[in-house]
Amino acid sequence: MTTRIKICGITNLVDAQLAVELGADALGFIFYRQSKRSIAPALAAEICAALPPFVAKVGVFVNESEAAIMKTLADCQLDVIQLHGEELPGFCRRFPVKVIKAIRVRDMASLPAAKEYDVDALLLDTYTAEQRGGTGQTFDWKLAQQAKMLLRPPIVLSGGLTPENVGEAIRRVEPFAVDVASGVEAEPGRKDPEKLRRFFKACRQN
């Protein structure tokens, strides 16, 4: 099965268009004000409106209210919601689109609670105390292999992926999808075209 590719932290149309041209299956827009890659809903809506069909538009939220998520969902015509905070399982079932729940992986003890989530996919990201996502740090991929056996939903692998290591990550974990932000950036919120090209090439060599 071909591993899907999500490019996250999109903040401008140029980066979005290049990612689509290279074959991105999904683009992520971060609506978390404390993120270095946050985007205003109005700008995200403009970018989303310019995208071709069959590219999933993913809104990333952290401990946001249901009302705020629903408004952004409608304004930006999002296809998928990614919840990256301490959202409870019941909260994740309230939305009329597909939901990805992010699990911040520190050790094996991080995984059992993920069984409670009845969602469309689980995104495994690196735990750090300082920030949520975009850390540029990997976690032990053996835990991702364990997660595939323990958990029902498809696994999206994130955390510290780069053009140099994504090929090995795909071979070892065989995730449904990979998700990258900082690993293909020139600076936070702006992608590096050459890194993007090399990332896609590395994914396709598997």
Protein backbone atom coordinates (compact mmCIF):
# COMPACT_ATOMS: atom_id res chain seq x y z
CA MET A 1 0.00 0.00 0.00
CA THR A 2 1.33 3.43 -0.92
CA THR A 3 2.04 5.58 2.12
CA ARG A 4 0.05 8.81 2.06
CA ILE A 5 1.86 12.11 2.57
CA LYS A 6 0.60 15.06 4.63
CA ILE A 7 2.48 18.36 4.56
CA CYS A 8 1.61 20.30 7.69
CA GLY A 9 2.12 23.88 8.81
CA ILE A 10 1.05 25.42 5.50
CA THR A 11 0.90 29.22 5.78
CA ASN A 12 0.97 30.43 2.17
CA LEU A 13 -0.34 29.53 -1.27
CA VAL A 14 3.09 29.06 -2.88
CA ASP A 15 4.02 26.27 -0.46
CA ALA A 16 0.56 24.72 -0.79
CA GLN A 17 0.73 24.65 -4.58
CA LEU A 18 4.21 23.12 -4.63
CA ALA A 19 3.20 20.41 -2.16
CA VAL A 20 0.18 19.57 -4.33
CA GLU A 21 2.29 19.50 -7.49
CA LEU A 22 4.68 17.07 -5.81
CA GLY A 23 1.80 14.79 -4.90
CA ALA A 24 0.67 15.64 -1.37
CA ASP A 25 -2.43 13.74 -0.30
CA ALA A 26 -3.22 16.25 2.45
CA LEU A 27 -2.24 19.72 3.63
CA GLY A 28 -2.35 20.74 7.28
CA PHE A 29 -3.37 24.19 8.55
CA ILE A 30 -2.57 24.90 12.19
CA PHE A 31 -5.20 26.95 14.03
CA TYR A 32 -3.30 27.04 17.32
CA ARG A 33 -2.17 30.58 18.05
CA GLN A 34 0.85 29.50 20.10
CA SER A 35 2.34 27.57 17.19
CA LYS A 36 5.11 29.13 15.11
CA ARG A 37 3.17 27.82 12.10
CA SER A 38 -0.25 29.13 13.01
CA ILE A 39 -2.47 30.58 10.31
CA ALA A 40 -5.50 32.86 10.48
CA PRO A 41 -8.71 31.14 9.38
CA ALA A 42 -9.37 33.83 6.76
CA LEU A 43 -6.02 33.19 5.04
CA ALA A 44 -6.43 29.44 5.32
CA ALA A 45 -9.85 29.75 3.68
CA GLU A 46 -8.29 31.60 0.72
CA ILE A 47 -5.63 28.91 0.28
CA CYS A 48 -8.15 26.09 0.63
CA ALA A 49 -10.40 27.65 -1.99
CA ALA A 50 -7.50 27.68 -4.46
CA LEU A 51 -6.64 23.99 -4.03
CA PRO A 52 -7.63 21.39 -6.61
CA PRO A 53 -10.02 18.57 -5.73
CA PHE A 54 -8.84 15.31 -4.13
CA VAL A 55 -6.36 17.05 -1.81
CA ALA A 56 -7.54 16.74 1.80
CA LYS A 57 -7.59 19.96 3.83
CA VAL A 58 -6.77 19.23 7.47
CA GLY A 59 -7.37 21.67 10.31
CA VAL A 60 -5.13 21.21 13.36
CA PHE A 61 -6.57 22.30 16.72
CA VAL A 62 -5.32 22.15 20.31
CA ASN A 63 -7.88 22.08 23.13
CA GLU A 64 -10.20 24.34 21.12
CA SER A 65 -13.92 24.65 21.78
CA GLU A 66 -16.41 22.69 19.70
CA ALA A 67 -18.02 25.93 18.48
CA ALA A 68 -14.71 27.41 17.32
CA ILE A 69 -13.76 24.22 15.49
CA MET A 70 -17.14 24.03 13.78
CA LYS A 71 -16.86 27.65 12.62
CA THR A 72 -13.38 27.14 11.17
CA LEU A 73 -14.49 23.87 9.62
CA ALA A 74 -17.26 25.70 7.77
CA ASP A 75 -15.28 28.83 6.90
CA CYS A 76 -12.35 26.89 5.43
CA GLN A 77 -14.34 23.95 4.05
CA LEU A 78 -12.04 21.52 5.84
CA ASP A 79 -12.19 17.81 5.07
CA VAL A 80 -10.49 16.50 8.21
CA ILE A 81 -9.96 17.70 11.80
CA GLN A 82 -6.76 16.85 13.68
CA LEU A 83 -7.01 17.22 17.45
CA HIS A 84 -3.63 17.72 19.10
CA GLY A 85 -4.50 18.46 22.73
CA GLU A 86 -6.10 16.64 25.66
CA GLU A 87 -9.43 16.18 23.88
CA LEU A 88 -11.47 13.34 25.37
CA PRO A 89 -12.78 10.44 23.27
CA GLY A 90 -16.36 11.69 23.42
CA PHE A 91 -15.35 15.14 22.17
CA CYS A 92 -13.65 13.58 19.15
CA ARG A 93 -16.93 11.99 18.04
CA ARG A 94 -18.86 15.25 17.80
CA PHE A 95 -17.78 16.36 14.33
CA PRO A 96 -19.32 15.69 10.89
CA VAL A 97 -15.96 15.08 9.16
CA LYS A 98 -13.15 12.57 9.65
CA VAL A 99 -11.09 13.05 12.80
CA ILE A 100 -7.42 12.34 13.49
CA LYS A 101 -6.37 12.24 17.15
CA ALA A 102 -2.74 13.03 17.89
CA ILE A 103 -0.99 10.95 20.54
CA ARG A 104 2.23 12.38 21.97
CA VAL A 105 4.46 9.36 22.42
CA ARG A 106 6.92 9.27 25.32
CA ASP A 107 7.10 5.54 26.06
CA MET A 108 4.97 2.38 25.92
CA ALA A 109 2.68 3.82 28.60
CA SER A 110 1.57 6.46 26.09
CA LEU A 111 -0.25 3.91 23.95
CA PRO A 112 -2.98 2.13 25.98
CA ALA A 113 -5.08 5.29 26.43
CA ALA A 114 -5.22 5.66 22.67
CA LYS A 115 -7.46 2.57 22.54
CA GLU A 116 -10.31 4.70 23.90
CA TYR A 117 -10.45 6.88 20.79
CA ASP A 118 -12.97 5.91 18.12
CA VAL A 119 -11.45 8.08 15.39
CA ASP A 120 -10.50 7.71 11.74
CA ALA A 121 -6.73 7.72 12.35
CA LEU A 122 -4.22 8.15 15.16
CA LEU A 123 -1.23 10.41 14.62
CA LEU A 124 1.84 9.45 16.64
CA ASP A 125 4.05 12.42 17.44
CA THR A 126 7.04 13.00 19.69
CA TYR A 127 6.33 14.06 23.25
CA THR A 128 8.07 17.16 24.52
CA ALA A 129 7.03 19.31 27.46
CA GLU A 130 7.74 22.52 25.55
CA GLN A 131 5.54 22.26 22.44
CA ARG A 132 2.88 20.29 20.62
CA GLY A 133 4.12 19.08 17.27
CA GLY A 134 6.73 20.58 15.00
CA THR A 135 9.49 19.61 17.42
CA GLY A 136 11.88 18.25 14.82
CA GLN A 137 12.50 15.29 17.16
CA THR A 138 11.82 11.63 16.45
CA PHE A 139 10.61 9.05 18.96
CA ASP A 140 11.43 5.34 19.14
CA TRP A 141 9.81 3.84 16.04
CA LYS A 142 9.56 0.49 17.81
CA LEU A 143 6.70 2.12 19.74
CA ALA A 144 4.99 2.93 16.44
CA GLN A 145 5.37 -0.71 15.40
CA GLN A 146 3.76 -1.73 18.68
CA ALA A 147 0.97 0.80 18.15
CA LYS A 148 0.09 -0.78 14.82
CA MET A 149 -0.53 -4.08 16.60
CA LEU A 150 -2.35 -2.60 19.60
CA LEU A 151 -4.57 0.03 17.99
CA ARG A 152 -7.40 -0.30 15.50
CA PRO A 153 -7.30 3.02 13.55
CA PRO A 154 -4.73 3.62 10.80
CA ILE A 155 -1.43 5.08 12.03
CA VAL A 156 -0.04 8.41 10.81
CA LEU A 157 3.65 8.70 11.68
CA SER A 158 4.98 12.14 12.62
CA GLY A 159 7.76 13.64 14.70
CA GLY A 160 11.15 14.62 13.34
CA LEU A 161 10.68 13.21 9.84
CA THR A 162 13.07 14.56 7.21
CA PRO A 163 14.11 13.71 3.63
CA GLU A 164 17.01 11.78 5.19
CA ASN A 165 15.03 9.50 7.52
CA VAL A 166 11.50 9.20 6.13
CA GLY A 167 12.42 6.32 3.84
CA GLU A 168 13.68 4.26 6.77
CA ALA A 169 10.64 5.25 8.83
CA ILE A 170 8.27 3.98 6.15
CA ARG A 171 10.18 0.73 5.74
CA ARG A 172 10.25 0.04 9.47
CA VAL A 173 6.77 1.19 10.51
CA GLU A 174 4.73 0.86 7.29
CA PRO A 175 2.34 3.61 8.43
CA PHE A 176 -0.84 4.55 6.62
CA ALA A 177 0.60 8.06 6.23
CA VAL A 178 3.52 10.27 7.17
CA ASP A 179 3.16 13.84 8.39
CA VAL A 180 5.94 16.44 8.14
CA ALA A 181 6.26 20.13 9.05
CA SER A 182 9.63 21.28 10.38
CA GLY A 183 11.60 18.67 8.43
CA VAL A 184 10.90 20.38 5.10
CA GLU A 185 11.13 24.01 6.20
CA ALA A 186 13.50 26.85 5.41
CA GLU A 187 12.16 28.52 8.57
CA PRO A 188 9.03 28.02 10.68
CA GLY A 189 6.01 28.49 8.44
CA ARG A 190 7.92 28.57 5.15
CA LYS A 191 8.80 25.42 3.22
CA ASP A 192 12.11 24.73 1.51
CA PRO A 193 11.31 23.63 -2.07
CA GLU A 194 14.38 21.38 -2.35
CA LYS A 195 13.65 19.67 0.97
CA LEU A 196 10.07 19.11 -0.14
CA ARG A 197 11.19 17.52 -3.39
CA ARG A 198 13.66 15.25 -1.62
CA PHE A 199 11.04 14.26 0.95
CA PHE A 200 8.59 13.13 -1.71
CA LYS A 201 11.34 11.30 -3.60
CA ALA A 202 12.38 9.45 -0.44
CA CYS A 203 8.78 8.43 0.27
CA ARG A 204 8.30 7.04 -3.22
CA GLN A 205 11.46 4.93 -3.17
CA ASN A 206 9.72 2.51 -0.81
